[in-house]
Amino acid sequence: MTSLKVMTVPAFKEWAVIVHALLEGEQILDVRKGGLREDGRHFGLRSTRVWLYPTAEHQRPELLKPAYRSTVDLAAGSPVGDAIRIDGWADIVGAATITEPERLSALDSKLIWTLEYAESRLQWKKRQPLWVLAMRVHRLLEPLEVPWREEYGGCTSWVDLVDPLPNPDELKSEPALSDTAFGARLKGVDGALGTPLETPALD
């Protein structure tokens, strides 16, 4: 039996409902500023390949558009202390930084958050830009589980998994969207922003 190669891929921590939307192809974007536990409390892109870590921390249905509020029950995320279920991974294929509310408003139809909540992310720490990340998401055919550890808790974008996972390339998975559908969505993001997304650069 061939053993799977282990590689270090960080986990990208986000609300379980957003991870669910990414895995279902409902959106291809995430918007980010740094969490309270991050260096300088600012977001930096640590990797262009990530595991999708769903969390229930800070997740509230009233911060989602009405059509998506019921998904909080479907994608509640693991309670703190329970094993973390990993249903997929993503390549971050494009990025932009924005500071103007108008540019964020142009992306409103491409996010499941309410515009008011997305704007609150923009307004927090005004000196720092809001990152827009385009993700090419893949669903695992067989979900993985990793033990929860105390250091994974709190407000942070990135989690270094103490218990390493296999190389995503060596696991059976399927894209959340076809190449054609993803390309069309990406083109729509470029059009909304008024400029093409940039090739992601690591921090």
C-alpha atoms as a PDB file:
ATOM      1  CA  MET A   1       0.000   0.000   0.000  1.00  0.00           C
ATOM      2  CA  THR A   2       1.372   3.415  -0.970  1.00  0.00           C
ATOM      3  CA  SER A   3       1.530   5.859   1.927  1.00  0.00           C
ATOM      4  CA  LEU A   4       0.277   9.389   1.375  1.00  0.00           C
ATOM      5  CA  LYS A   5       2.872  12.129   1.401  1.00  0.00           C
ATOM      6  CA  VAL A   6       2.488  14.582   4.272  1.00  0.00           C
ATOM      7  CA  MET A   7       2.953  18.287   3.565  1.00  0.00           C
ATOM      8  CA  THR A   8       2.472  21.457   5.555  1.00  0.00           C
ATOM      9  CA  VAL A   9      -0.615  23.295   4.352  1.00  0.00           C
ATOM     10  CA  PRO A  10      -2.064  25.841   6.784  1.00  0.00           C
ATOM     11  CA  ALA A  11      -5.740  25.928   7.630  1.00  0.00           C
ATOM     12  CA  PHE A  12      -7.726  29.038   6.744  1.00  0.00           C
ATOM     13  CA  LYS A  13     -10.243  29.673   9.505  1.00  0.00           C
ATOM     14  CA  GLU A  14     -13.632  31.077   8.535  1.00  0.00           C
ATOM     15  CA  TRP A  15     -17.267  30.849   9.590  1.00  0.00           C
ATOM     16  CA  ALA A  16     -18.704  27.422   8.868  1.00  0.00           C
ATOM     17  CA  VAL A  17     -21.490  28.977   6.759  1.00  0.00           C
ATOM     18  CA  ILE A  18     -18.918  30.706   4.554  1.00  0.00           C
ATOM     19  CA  VAL A  19     -16.916  27.492   4.183  1.00  0.00           C
ATOM     20  CA  HIS A  20     -20.181  25.754   3.252  1.00  0.00           C
ATOM     21  CA  ALA A  21     -20.926  28.442   0.627  1.00  0.00           C
ATOM     22  CA  LEU A  22     -17.435  28.058  -0.839  1.00  0.00           C
ATOM     23  CA  LEU A  23     -17.712  24.273  -0.966  1.00  0.00           C
ATOM     24  CA  GLU A  24     -21.131  24.493  -2.632  1.00  0.00           C
ATOM     25  CA  GLY A  25     -19.943  27.025  -5.211  1.00  0.00           C
ATOM     26  CA  GLU A  26     -22.306  29.691  -3.870  1.00  0.00           C
ATOM     27  CA  GLN A  27     -19.417  32.111  -3.683  1.00  0.00           C
ATOM     28  CA  ILE A  28     -15.782  32.074  -4.708  1.00  0.00           C
ATOM     29  CA  LEU A  29     -14.642  35.029  -2.599  1.00  0.00           C
ATOM     30  CA  ASP A  30     -13.679  35.726   0.955  1.00  0.00           C
ATOM     31  CA  VAL A  31     -12.913  39.145   2.427  1.00  0.00           C
ATOM     32  CA  ARG A  32     -10.468  39.515   5.269  1.00  0.00           C
ATOM     33  CA  LYS A  33      -8.718  41.759   7.742  1.00  0.00           C
ATOM     34  CA  GLY A  34      -6.493  40.438  10.473  1.00  0.00           C
ATOM     35  CA  GLY A  35      -7.844  38.775  13.589  1.00  0.00           C
ATOM     36  CA  LEU A  36      -7.038  39.795  17.137  1.00  0.00           C
ATOM     37  CA  ARG A  37      -4.462  37.000  17.438  1.00  0.00           C
ATOM     38  CA  GLU A  38      -2.535  37.856  14.271  1.00  0.00           C
ATOM     39  CA  ASP A  39       0.757  39.718  13.989  1.00  0.00           C
ATOM     40  CA  GLY A  40      -0.043  43.412  14.186  1.00  0.00           C
ATOM     41  CA  ARG A  41      -3.703  42.409  13.870  1.00  0.00           C
ATOM     42  CA  HIS A  42      -3.359  42.691  10.105  1.00  0.00           C
ATOM     43  CA  PHE A  43      -3.997  40.080   7.458  1.00  0.00           C
ATOM     44  CA  GLY A  44      -1.126  38.640   5.484  1.00  0.00           C
ATOM     45  CA  LEU A  45      -1.312  35.920   2.857  1.00  0.00           C
ATOM     46  CA  ARG A  46       0.699  33.014   4.255  1.00  0.00           C
ATOM     47  CA  SER A  47      -0.070  30.430   1.595  1.00  0.00           C
ATOM     48  CA  THR A  48      -1.904  30.109  -1.701  1.00  0.00           C
ATOM     49  CA  ARG A  49      -3.068  26.591  -0.833  1.00  0.00           C
ATOM     50  CA  VAL A  50      -5.180  26.145   2.294  1.00  0.00           C
ATOM     51  CA  TRP A  51      -7.379  23.731   4.155  1.00  0.00           C
ATOM     52  CA  LEU A  52     -10.815  25.164   4.839  1.00  0.00           C
ATOM     53  CA  TYR A  53     -11.339  25.225   8.613  1.00  0.00           C
ATOM     54  CA  PRO A  54     -15.002  25.844   9.544  1.00  0.00           C
ATOM     55  CA  THR A  55     -15.644  27.565  12.855  1.00  0.00           C
ATOM     56  CA  ALA A  56     -18.769  28.506  14.767  1.00  0.00           C
ATOM     57  CA  GLU A  57     -16.957  31.367  16.528  1.00  0.00           C
ATOM     58  CA  HIS A  58     -18.632  34.747  15.893  1.00  0.00           C
ATOM     59  CA  GLN A  59     -21.098  33.179  13.431  1.00  0.00           C
ATOM     60  CA  ARG A  60     -24.560  34.784  13.602  1.00  0.00           C
ATOM     61  CA  PRO A  61     -27.462  34.308  11.140  1.00  0.00           C
ATOM     62  CA  GLU A  62     -28.519  37.977  11.186  1.00  0.00           C
ATOM     63  CA  LEU A  63     -25.170  38.891   9.590  1.00  0.00           C
ATOM     64  CA  LEU A  64     -26.072  36.847   6.499  1.00  0.00           C
ATOM     65  CA  LYS A  65     -28.448  37.727   3.684  1.00  0.00           C
ATOM     66  CA  PRO A  66     -31.948  36.351   4.487  1.00  0.00           C
ATOM     67  CA  ALA A  67     -31.756  33.546   1.890  1.00  0.00           C
ATOM     68  CA  TYR A  68     -28.697  32.095   3.655  1.00  0.00           C
ATOM     69  CA  ARG A  69     -29.623  32.437   7.317  1.00  0.00           C
ATOM     70  CA  SER A  70     -30.986  28.890   7.545  1.00  0.00           C
ATOM     71  CA  THR A  71     -27.579  27.522   6.520  1.00  0.00           C
ATOM     72  CA  VAL A  72     -26.296  28.325  10.006  1.00  0.00           C
ATOM     73  CA  ASP A  73     -28.187  25.200  11.124  1.00  0.00           C
ATOM     74  CA  LEU A  74     -26.776  23.136   8.245  1.00  0.00           C
ATOM     75  CA  ALA A  75     -23.229  24.373   8.737  1.00  0.00           C
ATOM     76  CA  ALA A  76     -22.976  25.003  12.433  1.00  0.00           C
ATOM     77  CA  GLY A  77     -19.299  24.054  12.659  1.00  0.00           C
ATOM     78  CA  SER A  78     -17.782  21.917  15.377  1.00  0.00           C
ATOM     79  CA  PRO A  79     -18.222  23.108  18.959  1.00  0.00           C
ATOM     80  CA  VAL A  80     -15.008  24.309  20.573  1.00  0.00           C
ATOM     81  CA  GLY A  81     -13.218  21.256  21.921  1.00  0.00           C
ATOM     82  CA  ASP A  82     -14.653  18.781  19.399  1.00  0.00           C
ATOM     83  CA  ALA A  83     -12.716  17.323  16.464  1.00  0.00           C
ATOM     84  CA  ILE A  84     -12.609  19.630  13.426  1.00  0.00           C
ATOM     85  CA  ARG A  85     -14.133  18.250  10.231  1.00  0.00           C
ATOM     86  CA  ILE A  86     -12.296  19.304   7.076  1.00  0.00           C
ATOM     87  CA  ASP A  87     -14.473  18.975   3.961  1.00  0.00           C
ATOM     88  CA  GLY A  88     -12.239  20.663   1.444  1.00  0.00           C
ATOM     89  CA  TRP A  89      -9.304  22.783   0.441  1.00  0.00           C
ATOM     90  CA  ALA A  90      -8.676  25.737  -1.826  1.00  0.00           C
ATOM     91  CA  ASP A  91      -6.102  27.417  -4.005  1.00  0.00           C
ATOM     92  CA  ILE A  92      -6.145  31.194  -3.641  1.00  0.00           C
ATOM     93  CA  VAL A  93      -5.860  32.218  -7.282  1.00  0.00           C
ATOM     94  CA  GLY A  94      -6.445  35.967  -7.134  1.00  0.00           C
ATOM     95  CA  ALA A  95      -6.317  38.795  -4.628  1.00  0.00           C
ATOM     96  CA  ALA A  96      -7.076  42.475  -4.332  1.00  0.00           C
ATOM     97  CA  THR A  97      -6.972  45.022  -1.540  1.00  0.00           C
ATOM     98  CA  ILE A  98      -9.687  47.638  -1.257  1.00  0.00           C
ATOM     99  CA  THR A  99     -10.264  50.670   0.928  1.00  0.00           C
ATOM    100  CA  GLU A 100     -13.306  52.266  -0.718  1.00  0.00           C
ATOM    101  CA  PRO A 101     -16.851  51.301   0.310  1.00  0.00           C
ATOM    102  CA  GLU A 102     -17.949  51.670  -3.322  1.00  0.00           C
ATOM    103  CA  ARG A 103     -15.661  48.853  -4.450  1.00  0.00           C
ATOM    104  CA  LEU A 104     -16.964  46.608  -1.692  1.00  0.00           C
ATOM    105  CA  SER A 105     -20.564  47.457  -2.632  1.00  0.00           C
ATOM    106  CA  ALA A 106     -19.798  46.313  -6.175  1.00  0.00           C
ATOM    107  CA  LEU A 107     -19.090  42.843  -4.761  1.00  0.00           C
ATOM    108  CA  ASP A 108     -22.301  42.653  -2.722  1.00  0.00           C
ATOM    109  CA  SER A 109     -24.018  40.144  -5.024  1.00  0.00           C
ATOM    110  CA  LYS A 110     -20.981  37.857  -4.800  1.00  0.00           C
ATOM    111  CA  LEU A 111     -21.014  37.462  -1.002  1.00  0.00           C
ATOM    112  CA  ILE A 112     -23.558  35.871   1.324  1.00  0.00           C
ATOM    113  CA  TRP A 113     -22.877  38.332   4.144  1.00  0.00           C
ATOM    114  CA  THR A 114     -25.120  41.354   4.425  1.00  0.00           C
ATOM    115  CA  LEU A 115     -23.508  44.420   2.919  1.00  0.00           C
ATOM    116  CA  GLU A 116     -23.650  46.082   6.343  1.00  0.00           C
ATOM    117  CA  TYR A 117     -21.576  43.321   7.891  1.00  0.00           C
ATOM    118  CA  ALA A 118     -19.087  43.276   5.011  1.00  0.00           C
ATOM    119  CA  GLU A 119     -18.736  47.041   5.417  1.00  0.00           C
ATOM    120  CA  SER A 120     -18.031  46.570   9.113  1.00  0.00           C
ATOM    121  CA  ARG A 121     -15.075  44.393   8.145  1.00  0.00           C
ATOM    122  CA  LEU A 122     -13.879  47.180   5.869  1.00  0.00           C
ATOM    123  CA  GLN A 123     -14.268  49.835   8.568  1.00  0.00           C
ATOM    124  CA  TRP A 124     -12.409  47.906  11.274  1.00  0.00           C
ATOM    125  CA  LYS A 125      -8.831  49.234  11.538  1.00  0.00           C
ATOM    126  CA  LYS A 126      -9.401  51.783   8.788  1.00  0.00           C
ATOM    127  CA  ARG A 127      -5.734  52.243   7.996  1.00  0.00           C
ATOM    128  CA  GLN A 128      -5.515  48.691   6.737  1.00  0.00           C
ATOM    129  CA  PRO A 129      -7.089  47.557   3.471  1.00  0.00           C
ATOM    130  CA  LEU A 130      -9.652  44.804   3.176  1.00  0.00           C
ATOM    131  CA  TRP A 131      -8.352  41.772   1.316  1.00  0.00           C
ATOM    132  CA  VAL A 132     -10.502  40.152  -1.348  1.00  0.00           C
ATOM    133  CA  LEU A 133      -9.466  36.559  -2.026  1.00  0.00           C
ATOM    134  CA  ALA A 134     -10.654  34.459  -4.954  1.00  0.00           C
ATOM    135  CA  MET A 135     -10.625  30.768  -4.103  1.00  0.00           C
ATOM    136  CA  ARG A 136     -10.650  27.719  -6.381  1.00  0.00           C
ATOM    137  CA  VAL A 137     -12.296  25.294  -3.990  1.00  0.00           C
ATOM    138  CA  HIS A 138     -12.251  21.500  -3.996  1.00  0.00           C
ATOM    139  CA  ARG A 139     -14.544  19.207  -2.005  1.00  0.00           C
ATOM    140  CA  LEU A 140     -13.022  16.087  -0.488  1.00  0.00           C
ATOM    141  CA  LEU A 141     -14.892  12.893  -1.353  1.00  0.00           C
ATOM    142  CA  GLU A 142     -14.018  11.612   2.123  1.00  0.00           C
ATOM    143  CA  PRO A 143     -13.871  14.332   4.814  1.00  0.00           C
ATOM    144  CA  LEU A 144     -10.948  14.460   7.215  1.00  0.00           C
ATOM    145  CA  GLU A 145     -10.942  15.093  10.944  1.00  0.00           C
ATOM    146  CA  VAL A 146      -8.240  16.697  13.046  1.00  0.00           C
ATOM    147  CA  PRO A 147      -8.211  16.900  16.834  1.00  0.00           C
ATOM    148  CA  TRP A 148      -9.093  20.282  18.279  1.00  0.00           C
ATOM    149  CA  ARG A 149      -6.299  21.970  20.188  1.00  0.00           C
ATOM    150  CA  GLU A 150      -6.491  24.956  22.482  1.00  0.00           C
ATOM    151  CA  GLU A 151      -4.123  26.996  20.333  1.00  0.00           C
ATOM    152  CA  TYR A 152      -6.604  26.800  17.429  1.00  0.00           C
ATOM    153  CA  GLY A 153      -9.173  28.916  19.281  1.00  0.00           C
ATOM    154  CA  GLY A 154      -9.676  32.652  19.074  1.00  0.00           C
ATOM    155  CA  CYS A 155      -9.835  35.217  16.325  1.00  0.00           C
ATOM    156  CA  THR A 156      -7.259  34.350  13.688  1.00  0.00           C
ATOM    157  CA  SER A 157      -7.191  33.689   9.960  1.00  0.00           C
ATOM    158  CA  TRP A 158      -4.477  31.048   9.997  1.00  0.00           C
ATOM    159  CA  VAL A 159      -4.067  27.826  11.950  1.00  0.00           C
ATOM    160  CA  ASP A 160      -0.962  25.654  11.739  1.00  0.00           C
ATOM    161  CA  LEU A 161      -2.319  22.170  12.229  1.00  0.00           C
ATOM    162  CA  VAL A 162      -0.236  20.260  14.756  1.00  0.00           C
ATOM    163  CA  ASP A 163      -1.566  16.992  13.366  1.00  0.00           C
ATOM    164  CA  PRO A 164      -0.462  17.123   9.702  1.00  0.00           C
ATOM    165  CA  LEU A 165      -2.782  16.157   6.881  1.00  0.00           C
ATOM    166  CA  PRO A 166      -1.896  14.485   3.559  1.00  0.00           C
ATOM    167  CA  ASN A 167      -1.087  16.421   0.408  1.00  0.00           C
ATOM    168  CA  PRO A 168      -4.456  17.563  -1.032  1.00  0.00           C
ATOM    169  CA  ASP A 169      -3.292  16.484  -4.487  1.00  0.00           C
ATOM    170  CA  GLU A 170      -3.167  12.886  -3.290  1.00  0.00           C
ATOM    171  CA  LEU A 171      -6.704  12.865  -1.915  1.00  0.00           C
ATOM    172  CA  LYS A 172      -9.832  12.276  -3.967  1.00  0.00           C
ATOM    173  CA  SER A 173     -11.661  15.537  -4.449  1.00  0.00           C
ATOM    174  CA  GLU A 174     -13.808  17.403  -6.945  1.00  0.00           C
ATOM    175  CA  PRO A 175     -13.964  21.097  -7.807  1.00  0.00           C
ATOM    176  CA  ALA A 176     -16.876  23.015  -6.329  1.00  0.00           C
ATOM    177  CA  LEU A 177     -17.437  24.558  -9.787  1.00  0.00           C
ATOM    178  CA  SER A 178     -16.518  23.485 -13.295  1.00  0.00           C
ATOM    179  CA  ASP A 179     -13.650  25.288 -14.999  1.00  0.00           C
ATOM    180  CA  THR A 180     -16.132  27.164 -17.182  1.00  0.00           C
ATOM    181  CA  ALA A 181     -18.367  28.222 -14.299  1.00  0.00           C
ATOM    182  CA  PHE A 182     -15.418  29.272 -12.146  1.00  0.00           C
ATOM    183  CA  GLY A 183     -13.871  31.260 -14.991  1.00  0.00           C
ATOM    184  CA  ALA A 184     -17.149  33.104 -15.534  1.00  0.00           C
ATOM    185  CA  ARG A 185     -17.431  33.931 -11.825  1.00  0.00           C
ATOM    186  CA  LEU A 186     -13.849  35.169 -11.755  1.00  0.00           C
ATOM    187  CA  LYS A 187     -14.484  37.367 -14.790  1.00  0.00           C
ATOM    188  CA  GLY A 188     -17.526  38.782 -12.990  1.00  0.00           C
ATOM    189  CA  VAL A 189     -15.378  39.696  -9.983  1.00  0.00           C
ATOM    190  CA  ASP A 190     -12.872  41.479 -12.224  1.00  0.00           C
ATOM    191  CA  GLY A 191     -15.727  43.387 -13.841  1.00  0.00           C
ATOM    192  CA  ALA A 192     -17.209  44.394 -10.488  1.00  0.00           C
ATOM    193  CA  LEU A 193     -13.862  45.609  -9.175  1.00  0.00           C
ATOM    194  CA  GLY A 194     -13.073  47.396 -12.414  1.00  0.00           C
ATOM    195  CA  THR A 195      -9.630  45.817 -12.536  1.00  0.00           C
ATOM    196  CA  PRO A 196      -8.350  42.227 -12.745  1.00  0.00           C
ATOM    197  CA  LEU A 197      -7.471  40.423  -9.542  1.00  0.00           C
ATOM    198  CA  GLU A 198      -3.735  40.166  -8.995  1.00  0.00           C
ATOM    199  CA  THR A 199      -1.660  37.024  -8.688  1.00  0.00           C
ATOM    200  CA  PRO A 200      -1.458  36.445  -4.934  1.00  0.00           C
ATOM    201  CA  ALA A 201       1.845  37.391  -3.282  1.00  0.00           C
ATOM    202  CA  LEU A 202       2.768  35.815   0.024  1.00  0.00           C
ATOM    203  CA  ASP A 203       3.317  38.076   2.997  1.00  0.00           C
END
